[in-house]
Structures are given as structure tokens and as C-alpha cells.
């Protein structure tokens, strides 16, 4: 009986586009994908930060590029994806690490804040996926291996936040789950997979306010069965898996990286 072929986690020869790639999670993702063999393009509104991370990757011997990108502008999204494909000759992996939150209680939610969060967390995901898919679909027609799309969202995609103002954030993350499912079934005929990774609080700038207050931190840790918050590499690992051939039969799914919170809620 023939031995089964070993699963491959290598990303050698793949080109990864990581919008939001210089944040805490994005940085860990960029290093993880580069270490697995991918050429990495880091993009974000602060072009100098994107270029700085790309330079760090390049100094470590990894092919990398940093680009300025305001995801509120769909023309910039299209131009940026084209730059990725032209620079490295392909765009195989989209890892969307873009996201924001402006906390406002229900009675105080403003139209401007709500609209901005929808624009960044949901609308940008739509058009990043669309722009990447155009290159990925065309590449499959030439015989290139099917691409992967991974969106980083949040456990708040399925759990409301008690005693906090999370209307826009939870709504957009929940909407992103269905966007992932819809894009997965639209792209499945090309072998392209679309998935998400949904962490709980991750140590870093965005989650710093949760950990700064000892009482809040203790309540948070008591709710997480594994007894700690996530580290950026805890998110980068599942992203790497979903980008690899080992996950070729997984699509339309969200991997929850929460230390067991949703198993107890």
C-alpha cells in the first residue's frame, strides 16, 4: 500500500499580500509567511512603517516590499494589488489584517464613527478580496496553483461585548464571516480558498487597554480557559496553515483562536 504524501506547509514560490501588515498581528503574520518561504508585501496607510518592516524582512534575507495603502480608497486597493503582481509576478496569498474600533455605547453611536468602522472592517475586506481574486483567478488559468485568502477578524464576530460600546465592531466582524463564506463558494470552482482567523484579545497596541487595568485584566484572564491572552504568533500560526497546501480542502471557515472562550459561552 502506497504511503500517503506528507502535507506541505511550505510557501516557497508564493507571493503574499498583507494589508495592515505592520500592526502587531500583521507583523507576526508577515514574518511567519516569509519564514515559510513566501515573498511578502506589507501595506498600510503609513507607508514608512510598511517600508520599514519590509526592510527588516529583506535584511533577514526574505524578499519583501512595503507599500502605502489607504483601504478606504478602492482605487488604491486596485493599484496596490497590481503593484504586488507586477513586482513579484503574482499575488497568491491575501492575508487581510486591516481592522479598527472606536468604542461608543449604543446611545452615543455617531454616524461618522459607525460608517468609518464599516468602511475599514467590512467594505475594505470586500474590495481587497475582489482585487486579489482577479489576479488569483487569472493565475489559475495559466496553470499556477490556486490562491488563498485569509481575513483576520475577532471572536466578537459571534459574541457580543457586555457593558462596552461595540455595535459597529461586532456588526462588521459578524458581517465579515458571511463575506468569507460567500467569497469561498464563489471562488471554489477555481480552487481558491477563503477563510478567517478570529482571535480573542491579542497582546499588543490594540489590546493594551484591556491589560493595563489589573482588575480588567484579571476578569479577562478568568474568562479564558487557557488562562492567558493570545500572543501575535498564536494568530500567525493558523494563518500560515490556512495559506498552505495542508489546508487545501478547507474553505468558508473561521478558525477561532480564543483559548477556549467560545467553548464556555
C-alpha atoms as a PDB file:
ATOM      1  CA  UNK A   1       0.000   0.000   0.000  1.00  0.00           C
ATOM      2  CA  UNK A   2       1.436   3.361  -1.017  1.00  0.00           C
ATOM      3  CA  UNK A   3       2.425   5.759   1.727  1.00  0.00           C
ATOM      4  CA  UNK A   4       0.381   8.976   1.830  1.00  0.00           C
ATOM      5  CA  UNK A   5       2.180  12.076   0.646  1.00  0.00           C
ATOM      6  CA  UNK A   6       3.260  14.300   3.544  1.00  0.00           C
ATOM      7  CA  UNK A   7       1.339  17.542   3.891  1.00  0.00           C
ATOM      8  CA  UNK A   8       3.259  20.631   2.881  1.00  0.00           C
ATOM      9  CA  UNK A   9       3.351  23.778   4.976  1.00  0.00           C
ATOM     10  CA  UNK A  10       5.958  25.367   2.716  1.00  0.00           C
ATOM     11  CA  UNK A  11       5.043  28.636   0.999  1.00  0.00           C
ATOM     12  CA  UNK A  12       8.069  28.616  -1.279  1.00  0.00           C
ATOM     13  CA  UNK A  13       7.379  30.447  -4.525  1.00  0.00           C
ATOM     14  CA  UNK A  14       4.196  32.049  -3.202  1.00  0.00           C
ATOM     15  CA  UNK A  15       3.577  35.793  -3.069  1.00  0.00           C
ATOM     16  CA  UNK A  16       1.728  37.113  -0.010  1.00  0.00           C
ATOM     17  CA  UNK A  17      -0.069  40.460   0.150  1.00  0.00           C
ATOM     18  CA  UNK A  18      -0.604  41.561   3.772  1.00  0.00           C
ATOM     19  CA  UNK A  19      -2.647  44.777   4.159  1.00  0.00           C
ATOM     20  CA  UNK A  20      -2.362  46.015   7.736  1.00  0.00           C
ATOM     21  CA  UNK A  21       0.878  44.087   7.902  1.00  0.00           C
ATOM     22  CA  UNK A  22       2.832  46.338  10.253  1.00  0.00           C
ATOM     23  CA  UNK A  23       0.436  46.059  13.222  1.00  0.00           C
ATOM     24  CA  UNK A  24       1.114  43.568  15.992  1.00  0.00           C
ATOM     25  CA  UNK A  25      -0.746  40.692  14.322  1.00  0.00           C
ATOM     26  CA  UNK A  26       0.245  41.723  10.809  1.00  0.00           C
ATOM     27  CA  UNK A  27       3.917  41.870  11.728  1.00  0.00           C
ATOM     28  CA  UNK A  28       3.812  38.352  13.163  1.00  0.00           C
ATOM     29  CA  UNK A  29       1.969  37.142  10.061  1.00  0.00           C
ATOM     30  CA  UNK A  30       4.493  38.779   7.720  1.00  0.00           C
ATOM     31  CA  UNK A  31       7.448  37.145   9.492  1.00  0.00           C
ATOM     32  CA  UNK A  32       5.680  33.770   9.651  1.00  0.00           C
ATOM     33  CA  UNK A  33       4.855  33.732   5.933  1.00  0.00           C
ATOM     34  CA  UNK A  34       8.323  34.938   4.976  1.00  0.00           C
ATOM     35  CA  UNK A  35       9.932  32.264   7.158  1.00  0.00           C
ATOM     36  CA  UNK A  36       7.824  29.671   5.357  1.00  0.00           C
ATOM     37  CA  UNK A  37       9.227  30.803   2.014  1.00  0.00           C
ATOM     38  CA  UNK A  38       6.768  33.413   0.725  1.00  0.00           C
ATOM     39  CA  UNK A  39       7.679  36.753  -0.782  1.00  0.00           C
ATOM     40  CA  UNK A  40       5.796  39.279   1.343  1.00  0.00           C
ATOM     41  CA  UNK A  41       4.264  42.641   0.515  1.00  0.00           C
ATOM     42  CA  UNK A  42       3.359  44.686   3.590  1.00  0.00           C
ATOM     43  CA  UNK A  43       0.875  47.508   3.029  1.00  0.00           C
ATOM     44  CA  UNK A  44      -0.888  50.099   5.139  1.00  0.00           C
ATOM     45  CA  UNK A  45      -1.860  53.728   5.484  1.00  0.00           C
ATOM     46  CA  UNK A  46       1.556  54.571   6.961  1.00  0.00           C
ATOM     47  CA  UNK A  47       3.822  53.796   4.048  1.00  0.00           C
ATOM     48  CA  UNK A  48       7.000  54.413   6.018  1.00  0.00           C
ATOM     49  CA  UNK A  49       6.046  51.757   8.589  1.00  0.00           C
ATOM     50  CA  UNK A  50       5.273  49.302   5.800  1.00  0.00           C
ATOM     51  CA  UNK A  51       8.611  50.033   4.153  1.00  0.00           C
ATOM     52  CA  UNK A  52      10.418  49.714   7.479  1.00  0.00           C
ATOM     53  CA  UNK A  53       9.039  46.211   8.108  1.00  0.00           C
ATOM     54  CA  UNK A  54       9.812  45.202   4.526  1.00  0.00           C
ATOM     55  CA  UNK A  55      13.384  46.398   5.047  1.00  0.00           C
ATOM     56  CA  UNK A  56      13.667  44.296   8.213  1.00  0.00           C
ATOM     57  CA  UNK A  57      12.473  41.248   6.308  1.00  0.00           C
ATOM     58  CA  UNK A  58      14.878  41.972   3.462  1.00  0.00           C
ATOM     59  CA  UNK A  59      17.808  42.286   5.872  1.00  0.00           C
ATOM     60  CA  UNK A  60      16.904  38.835   7.186  1.00  0.00           C
ATOM     61  CA  UNK A  61      17.151  37.505   3.633  1.00  0.00           C
ATOM     62  CA  UNK A  62      13.441  37.423   2.749  1.00  0.00           C
ATOM     63  CA  UNK A  63      12.049  39.010  -0.453  1.00  0.00           C
ATOM     64  CA  UNK A  64       9.768  41.815   0.704  1.00  0.00           C
ATOM     65  CA  UNK A  65       8.174  45.078  -0.370  1.00  0.00           C
ATOM     66  CA  UNK A  66       6.448  47.845   1.610  1.00  0.00           C
ATOM     67  CA  UNK A  67       3.622  49.907   0.096  1.00  0.00           C
ATOM     68  CA  UNK A  68       1.384  52.741   1.220  1.00  0.00           C
ATOM     69  CA  UNK A  69      -2.318  51.860   1.059  1.00  0.00           C
ATOM     70  CA  UNK A  70      -5.439  53.578   2.357  1.00  0.00           C
ATOM     71  CA  UNK A  71      -8.041  50.804   2.264  1.00  0.00           C
ATOM     72  CA  UNK A  72     -10.849  53.360   2.306  1.00  0.00           C
ATOM     73  CA  UNK A  73      -9.934  54.124  -1.304  1.00  0.00           C
ATOM     74  CA  UNK A  74     -10.885  51.297  -3.683  1.00  0.00           C
ATOM     75  CA  UNK A  75      -8.759  52.800  -6.465  1.00  0.00           C
ATOM     76  CA  UNK A  76      -5.735  52.496  -4.181  1.00  0.00           C
ATOM     77  CA  UNK A  77      -6.654  48.890  -3.390  1.00  0.00           C
ATOM     78  CA  UNK A  78      -6.718  48.005  -7.079  1.00  0.00           C
ATOM     79  CA  UNK A  79      -3.494  49.885  -7.787  1.00  0.00           C
ATOM     80  CA  UNK A  80      -1.743  48.253  -4.837  1.00  0.00           C
ATOM     81  CA  UNK A  81      -2.694  44.719  -5.839  1.00  0.00           C
ATOM     82  CA  UNK A  82      -1.474  45.454  -9.356  1.00  0.00           C
ATOM     83  CA  UNK A  83       1.828  46.696  -7.945  1.00  0.00           C
ATOM     84  CA  UNK A  84       2.190  43.463  -5.953  1.00  0.00           C
ATOM     85  CA  UNK A  85       1.565  41.292  -9.003  1.00  0.00           C
ATOM     86  CA  UNK A  86       3.877  43.334 -11.205  1.00  0.00           C
ATOM     87  CA  UNK A  87       6.704  43.428  -8.659  1.00  0.00           C
ATOM     88  CA  UNK A  88       6.752  39.720  -7.792  1.00  0.00           C
ATOM     89  CA  UNK A  89       4.974  38.321 -10.844  1.00  0.00           C
ATOM     90  CA  UNK A  90       1.957  37.004  -8.905  1.00  0.00           C
ATOM     91  CA  UNK A  91      -0.396  37.528  -5.992  1.00  0.00           C
ATOM     92  CA  UNK A  92      -1.102  34.146  -4.439  1.00  0.00           C
ATOM     93  CA  UNK A  93      -1.993  34.876  -0.823  1.00  0.00           C
ATOM     94  CA  UNK A  94      -4.147  37.674   0.550  1.00  0.00           C
ATOM     95  CA  UNK A  95      -3.964  37.998   4.334  1.00  0.00           C
ATOM     96  CA  UNK A  96      -6.180  40.875   5.375  1.00  0.00           C
ATOM     97  CA  UNK A  97      -5.037  42.191   8.762  1.00  0.00           C
ATOM     98  CA  UNK A  98      -6.862  45.522   8.464  1.00  0.00           C
ATOM     99  CA  UNK A  99      -9.219  46.482  11.288  1.00  0.00           C
ATOM    100  CA  UNK A 100     -10.236  49.260  13.654  1.00  0.00           C
ATOM    101  CA  UNK A 101     -12.519  50.039  16.575  1.00  0.00           C
ATOM    102  CA  UNK A 102     -13.995  53.235  18.024  1.00  0.00           C
ATOM    103  CA  UNK A 103     -15.813  52.333  21.195  1.00  0.00           C
ATOM    104  CA  UNK A 104     -19.219  54.024  21.554  1.00  0.00           C
ATOM    105  CA  UNK A 105     -22.189  52.935  23.635  1.00  0.00           C
ATOM    106  CA  UNK A 106     -25.474  52.335  21.819  1.00  0.00           C
ATOM    107  CA  UNK A 107     -26.968  55.672  22.914  1.00  0.00           C
ATOM    108  CA  UNK A 108     -23.858  57.535  21.787  1.00  0.00           C
ATOM    109  CA  UNK A 109     -23.022  55.880  18.464  1.00  0.00           C
ATOM    110  CA  UNK A 110     -22.237  58.509  15.832  1.00  0.00           C
ATOM    111  CA  UNK A 111     -22.832  58.120  12.124  1.00  0.00           C
ATOM    112  CA  UNK A 112     -19.270  59.125  11.322  1.00  0.00           C
ATOM    113  CA  UNK A 113     -17.666  56.521  13.598  1.00  0.00           C
ATOM    114  CA  UNK A 114     -20.079  53.770  12.571  1.00  0.00           C
ATOM    115  CA  UNK A 115     -19.541  54.458   8.873  1.00  0.00           C
ATOM    116  CA  UNK A 116     -15.754  54.543   9.266  1.00  0.00           C
ATOM    117  CA  UNK A 117     -15.680  51.169  11.022  1.00  0.00           C
ATOM    118  CA  UNK A 118     -17.906  49.639   8.344  1.00  0.00           C
ATOM    119  CA  UNK A 119     -15.650  51.109   5.678  1.00  0.00           C
ATOM    120  CA  UNK A 120     -12.429  49.759   7.194  1.00  0.00           C
ATOM    121  CA  UNK A 121     -13.568  46.442   8.677  1.00  0.00           C
ATOM    122  CA  UNK A 122     -16.064  45.259   6.069  1.00  0.00           C
ATOM    123  CA  UNK A 123     -16.064  47.327   2.890  1.00  0.00           C
ATOM    124  CA  UNK A 124     -12.266  47.174   2.587  1.00  0.00           C
ATOM    125  CA  UNK A 125     -12.365  43.385   3.026  1.00  0.00           C
ATOM    126  CA  UNK A 126     -14.836  43.163   0.147  1.00  0.00           C
ATOM    127  CA  UNK A 127     -12.694  45.086  -2.282  1.00  0.00           C
ATOM    128  CA  UNK A 128      -9.361  43.654  -1.142  1.00  0.00           C
ATOM    129  CA  UNK A 129     -10.839  40.211  -1.793  1.00  0.00           C
ATOM    130  CA  UNK A 130     -12.192  41.281  -5.168  1.00  0.00           C
ATOM    131  CA  UNK A 131      -8.922  42.829  -6.305  1.00  0.00           C
ATOM    132  CA  UNK A 132      -6.854  39.846  -5.174  1.00  0.00           C
ATOM    133  CA  UNK A 133      -9.304  37.354  -6.689  1.00  0.00           C
ATOM    134  CA  UNK A 134      -8.947  38.914 -10.121  1.00  0.00           C
ATOM    135  CA  UNK A 135      -5.231  38.110 -10.111  1.00  0.00           C
ATOM    136  CA  UNK A 136      -5.714  34.715  -8.459  1.00  0.00           C
ATOM    137  CA  UNK A 137      -8.381  33.548 -10.926  1.00  0.00           C
ATOM    138  CA  UNK A 138      -6.295  34.659 -13.899  1.00  0.00           C
ATOM    139  CA  UNK A 139      -3.250  32.860 -12.468  1.00  0.00           C
ATOM    140  CA  UNK A 140      -5.131  29.549 -12.121  1.00  0.00           C
ATOM    141  CA  UNK A 141      -5.996  29.759 -15.826  1.00  0.00           C
ATOM    142  CA  UNK A 142      -2.273  29.811 -16.608  1.00  0.00           C
ATOM    143  CA  UNK A 143      -1.614  26.707 -14.506  1.00  0.00           C
ATOM    144  CA  UNK A 144      -0.444  28.406 -11.309  1.00  0.00           C
ATOM    145  CA  UNK A 145      -1.503  26.804  -8.024  1.00  0.00           C
ATOM    146  CA  UNK A 146      -4.755  28.198  -6.618  1.00  0.00           C
ATOM    147  CA  UNK A 147      -4.502  31.175  -4.294  1.00  0.00           C
ATOM    148  CA  UNK A 148      -5.608  31.619  -0.705  1.00  0.00           C
ATOM    149  CA  UNK A 149      -7.458  34.422   1.059  1.00  0.00           C
ATOM    150  CA  UNK A 150      -7.435  34.775   4.841  1.00  0.00           C
ATOM    151  CA  UNK A 151      -9.144  37.539   6.808  1.00  0.00           C
ATOM    152  CA  UNK A 152      -8.265  38.290  10.417  1.00  0.00           C
ATOM    153  CA  UNK A 153     -11.431  39.108  12.326  1.00  0.00           C
ATOM    154  CA  UNK A 154     -12.357  38.621  16.002  1.00  0.00           C
ATOM    155  CA  UNK A 155     -14.182  36.408  18.443  1.00  0.00           C
ATOM    156  CA  UNK A 156     -16.607  39.357  18.516  1.00  0.00           C
ATOM    157  CA  UNK A 157     -17.906  38.040  15.200  1.00  0.00           C
ATOM    158  CA  UNK A 158     -20.019  35.643  17.266  1.00  0.00           C
ATOM    159  CA  UNK A 159     -20.094  37.113  20.780  1.00  0.00           C
ATOM    160  CA  UNK A 160     -21.434  40.489  21.856  1.00  0.00           C
ATOM    161  CA  UNK A 161     -19.398  42.585  24.293  1.00  0.00           C
ATOM    162  CA  UNK A 162     -21.149  43.122  27.612  1.00  0.00           C
ATOM    163  CA  UNK A 163     -21.015  46.615  29.174  1.00  0.00           C
ATOM    164  CA  UNK A 164     -18.985  48.081  26.293  1.00  0.00           C
ATOM    165  CA  UNK A 165     -19.807  50.038  23.132  1.00  0.00           C
ATOM    166  CA  UNK A 166     -19.154  47.510  20.371  1.00  0.00           C
ATOM    167  CA  UNK A 167     -22.120  47.892  17.988  1.00  0.00           C
ATOM    168  CA  UNK A 168     -20.157  48.713  14.853  1.00  0.00           C
ATOM    169  CA  UNK A 169     -17.239  46.421  15.635  1.00  0.00           C
ATOM    170  CA  UNK A 170     -19.337  43.321  16.322  1.00  0.00           C
ATOM    171  CA  UNK A 171     -21.621  44.020  13.355  1.00  0.00           C
ATOM    172  CA  UNK A 172     -18.726  44.361  10.922  1.00  0.00           C
ATOM    173  CA  UNK A 173     -16.883  41.300  12.201  1.00  0.00           C
ATOM    174  CA  UNK A 174     -20.078  39.256  12.026  1.00  0.00           C
ATOM    175  CA  UNK A 175     -20.676  40.539   8.509  1.00  0.00           C
ATOM    176  CA  UNK A 176     -17.145  39.541   7.565  1.00  0.00           C
ATOM    177  CA  UNK A 177     -17.934  35.926   8.495  1.00  0.00           C
ATOM    178  CA  UNK A 178     -20.666  35.836   5.868  1.00  0.00           C
ATOM    179  CA  UNK A 179     -18.489  37.659   3.344  1.00  0.00           C
ATOM    180  CA  UNK A 180     -15.888  34.913   3.814  1.00  0.00           C
ATOM    181  CA  UNK A 181     -18.487  32.204   3.249  1.00  0.00           C
ATOM    182  CA  UNK A 182     -19.890  33.875   0.154  1.00  0.00           C
ATOM    183  CA  UNK A 183     -16.493  34.518  -1.410  1.00  0.00           C
ATOM    184  CA  UNK A 184     -15.471  30.944  -0.628  1.00  0.00           C
ATOM    185  CA  UNK A 185     -18.354  29.476  -2.602  1.00  0.00           C
ATOM    186  CA  UNK A 186     -17.892  31.921  -5.474  1.00  0.00           C
ATOM    187  CA  UNK A 187     -14.188  31.109  -5.822  1.00  0.00           C
ATOM    188  CA  UNK A 188     -14.307  27.371  -5.142  1.00  0.00           C
ATOM    189  CA  UNK A 189     -14.564  26.473  -8.836  1.00  0.00           C
ATOM    190  CA  UNK A 190     -11.057  27.907  -9.231  1.00  0.00           C
ATOM    191  CA  UNK A 191      -9.677  26.011  -6.225  1.00  0.00           C
ATOM    192  CA  UNK A 192      -9.152  29.302  -4.367  1.00  0.00           C
ATOM    193  CA  UNK A 193      -9.937  29.073  -0.658  1.00  0.00           C
ATOM    194  CA  UNK A 194     -11.257  31.856   1.575  1.00  0.00           C
ATOM    195  CA  UNK A 195     -11.134  31.566   5.363  1.00  0.00           C
ATOM    196  CA  UNK A 196     -10.852  33.620   8.534  1.00  0.00           C
ATOM    197  CA  UNK A 197      -8.972  33.594  11.825  1.00  0.00           C
ATOM    198  CA  UNK A 198     -10.801  35.047  14.820  1.00  0.00           C
ATOM    199  CA  UNK A 199      -8.727  35.732  17.948  1.00  0.00           C
ATOM    200  CA  UNK A 200      -9.700  36.984  21.364  1.00  0.00           C
ATOM    201  CA  UNK A 201      -7.647  39.808  22.917  1.00  0.00           C
ATOM    202  CA  UNK A 202      -4.131  39.783  21.480  1.00  0.00           C
ATOM    203  CA  UNK A 203      -1.205  41.254  23.378  1.00  0.00           C
ATOM    204  CA  UNK A 204      -0.213  44.469  21.608  1.00  0.00           C
ATOM    205  CA  UNK A 205      -1.311  48.044  20.981  1.00  0.00           C
ATOM    206  CA  UNK A 206      -4.973  47.289  20.181  1.00  0.00           C
ATOM    207  CA  UNK A 207      -5.488  45.167  23.303  1.00  0.00           C
ATOM    208  CA  UNK A 208      -3.255  47.182  25.630  1.00  0.00           C
ATOM    209  CA  UNK A 209      -6.152  48.922  27.380  1.00  0.00           C
ATOM    210  CA  UNK A 210      -7.558  45.543  28.441  1.00  0.00           C
ATOM    211  CA  UNK A 211      -4.320  44.589  30.140  1.00  0.00           C
ATOM    212  CA  UNK A 212      -3.379  47.966  31.649  1.00  0.00           C
ATOM    213  CA  UNK A 213      -6.078  47.824  34.336  1.00  0.00           C
ATOM    214  CA  UNK A 214      -5.287  44.998  36.834  1.00  0.00           C
ATOM    215  CA  UNK A 215      -8.964  44.365  37.627  1.00  0.00           C
ATOM    216  CA  UNK A 216      -9.993  44.251  33.974  1.00  0.00           C
ATOM    217  CA  UNK A 217      -7.029  42.031  33.163  1.00  0.00           C
ATOM    218  CA  UNK A 218      -7.910  39.588  35.934  1.00  0.00           C
ATOM    219  CA  UNK A 219     -11.547  39.360  34.813  1.00  0.00           C
ATOM    220  CA  UNK A 220     -10.389  38.779  31.258  1.00  0.00           C
ATOM    221  CA  UNK A 221      -7.971  36.022  32.221  1.00  0.00           C
ATOM    222  CA  UNK A 222     -10.632  34.315  34.336  1.00  0.00           C
ATOM    223  CA  UNK A 223     -12.871  34.093  31.246  1.00  0.00           C
ATOM    224  CA  UNK A 224     -10.184  32.423  29.097  1.00  0.00           C
ATOM    225  CA  UNK A 225      -9.869  28.718  29.953  1.00  0.00           C
ATOM    226  CA  UNK A 226      -6.202  28.610  28.905  1.00  0.00           C
ATOM    227  CA  UNK A 227      -5.558  31.443  31.370  1.00  0.00           C
ATOM    228  CA  UNK A 228      -3.784  33.929  29.107  1.00  0.00           C
ATOM    229  CA  UNK A 229      -4.432  36.312  26.230  1.00  0.00           C
ATOM    230  CA  UNK A 230      -3.282  35.489  22.728  1.00  0.00           C
ATOM    231  CA  UNK A 231       0.172  36.402  21.504  1.00  0.00           C
ATOM    232  CA  UNK A 232       0.576  37.626  17.897  1.00  0.00           C
ATOM    233  CA  UNK A 233       2.248  34.347  16.924  1.00  0.00           C
ATOM    234  CA  UNK A 234      -0.829  32.457  18.146  1.00  0.00           C
ATOM    235  CA  UNK A 235      -2.699  34.122  15.276  1.00  0.00           C
ATOM    236  CA  UNK A 236       0.118  33.884  12.723  1.00  0.00           C
ATOM    237  CA  UNK A 237       0.284  30.092  13.057  1.00  0.00           C
ATOM    238  CA  UNK A 238      -3.308  29.394  11.936  1.00  0.00           C
ATOM    239  CA  UNK A 239      -2.929  31.989   9.160  1.00  0.00           C
ATOM    240  CA  UNK A 240       0.138  30.130   7.894  1.00  0.00           C
ATOM    241  CA  UNK A 241      -1.763  26.833   7.983  1.00  0.00           C
ATOM    242  CA  UNK A 242      -4.689  28.246   6.002  1.00  0.00           C
ATOM    243  CA  UNK A 243      -2.285  29.634   3.390  1.00  0.00           C
ATOM    244  CA  UNK A 244      -0.546  26.285   2.936  1.00  0.00           C
ATOM    245  CA  UNK A 245      -1.338  23.204   0.859  1.00  0.00           C
ATOM    246  CA  UNK A 246      -2.134  21.414   4.111  1.00  0.00           C
ATOM    247  CA  UNK A 247      -5.387  23.418   4.237  1.00  0.00           C
ATOM    248  CA  UNK A 248      -6.318  22.991   0.564  1.00  0.00           C
ATOM    249  CA  UNK A 249      -9.668  21.360   1.451  1.00  0.00           C
ATOM    250  CA  UNK A 250     -10.723  23.998   3.987  1.00  0.00           C
ATOM    251  CA  UNK A 251     -12.769  26.937   2.745  1.00  0.00           C
ATOM    252  CA  UNK A 252     -15.533  29.178   4.052  1.00  0.00           C
ATOM    253  CA  UNK A 253     -14.432  28.570   7.643  1.00  0.00           C
ATOM    254  CA  UNK A 254     -13.369  30.710  10.575  1.00  0.00           C
ATOM    255  CA  UNK A 255     -10.734  29.336  12.955  1.00  0.00           C
ATOM    256  CA  UNK A 256     -11.421  30.720  16.423  1.00  0.00           C
ATOM    257  CA  UNK A 257      -8.219  31.444  18.348  1.00  0.00           C
ATOM    258  CA  UNK A 258      -9.618  32.246  21.774  1.00  0.00           C
ATOM    259  CA  UNK A 259      -8.075  29.977  24.389  1.00  0.00           C
ATOM    260  CA  UNK A 260     -11.428  28.240  24.799  1.00  0.00           C
ATOM    261  CA  UNK A 261     -13.751  31.214  25.422  1.00  0.00           C
ATOM    262  CA  UNK A 262     -16.390  30.167  22.892  1.00  0.00           C
ATOM    263  CA  UNK A 263     -16.322  26.618  24.253  1.00  0.00           C
ATOM    264  CA  UNK A 264     -17.660  28.000  27.547  1.00  0.00           C
ATOM    265  CA  UNK A 265     -20.073  30.723  26.409  1.00  0.00           C
END
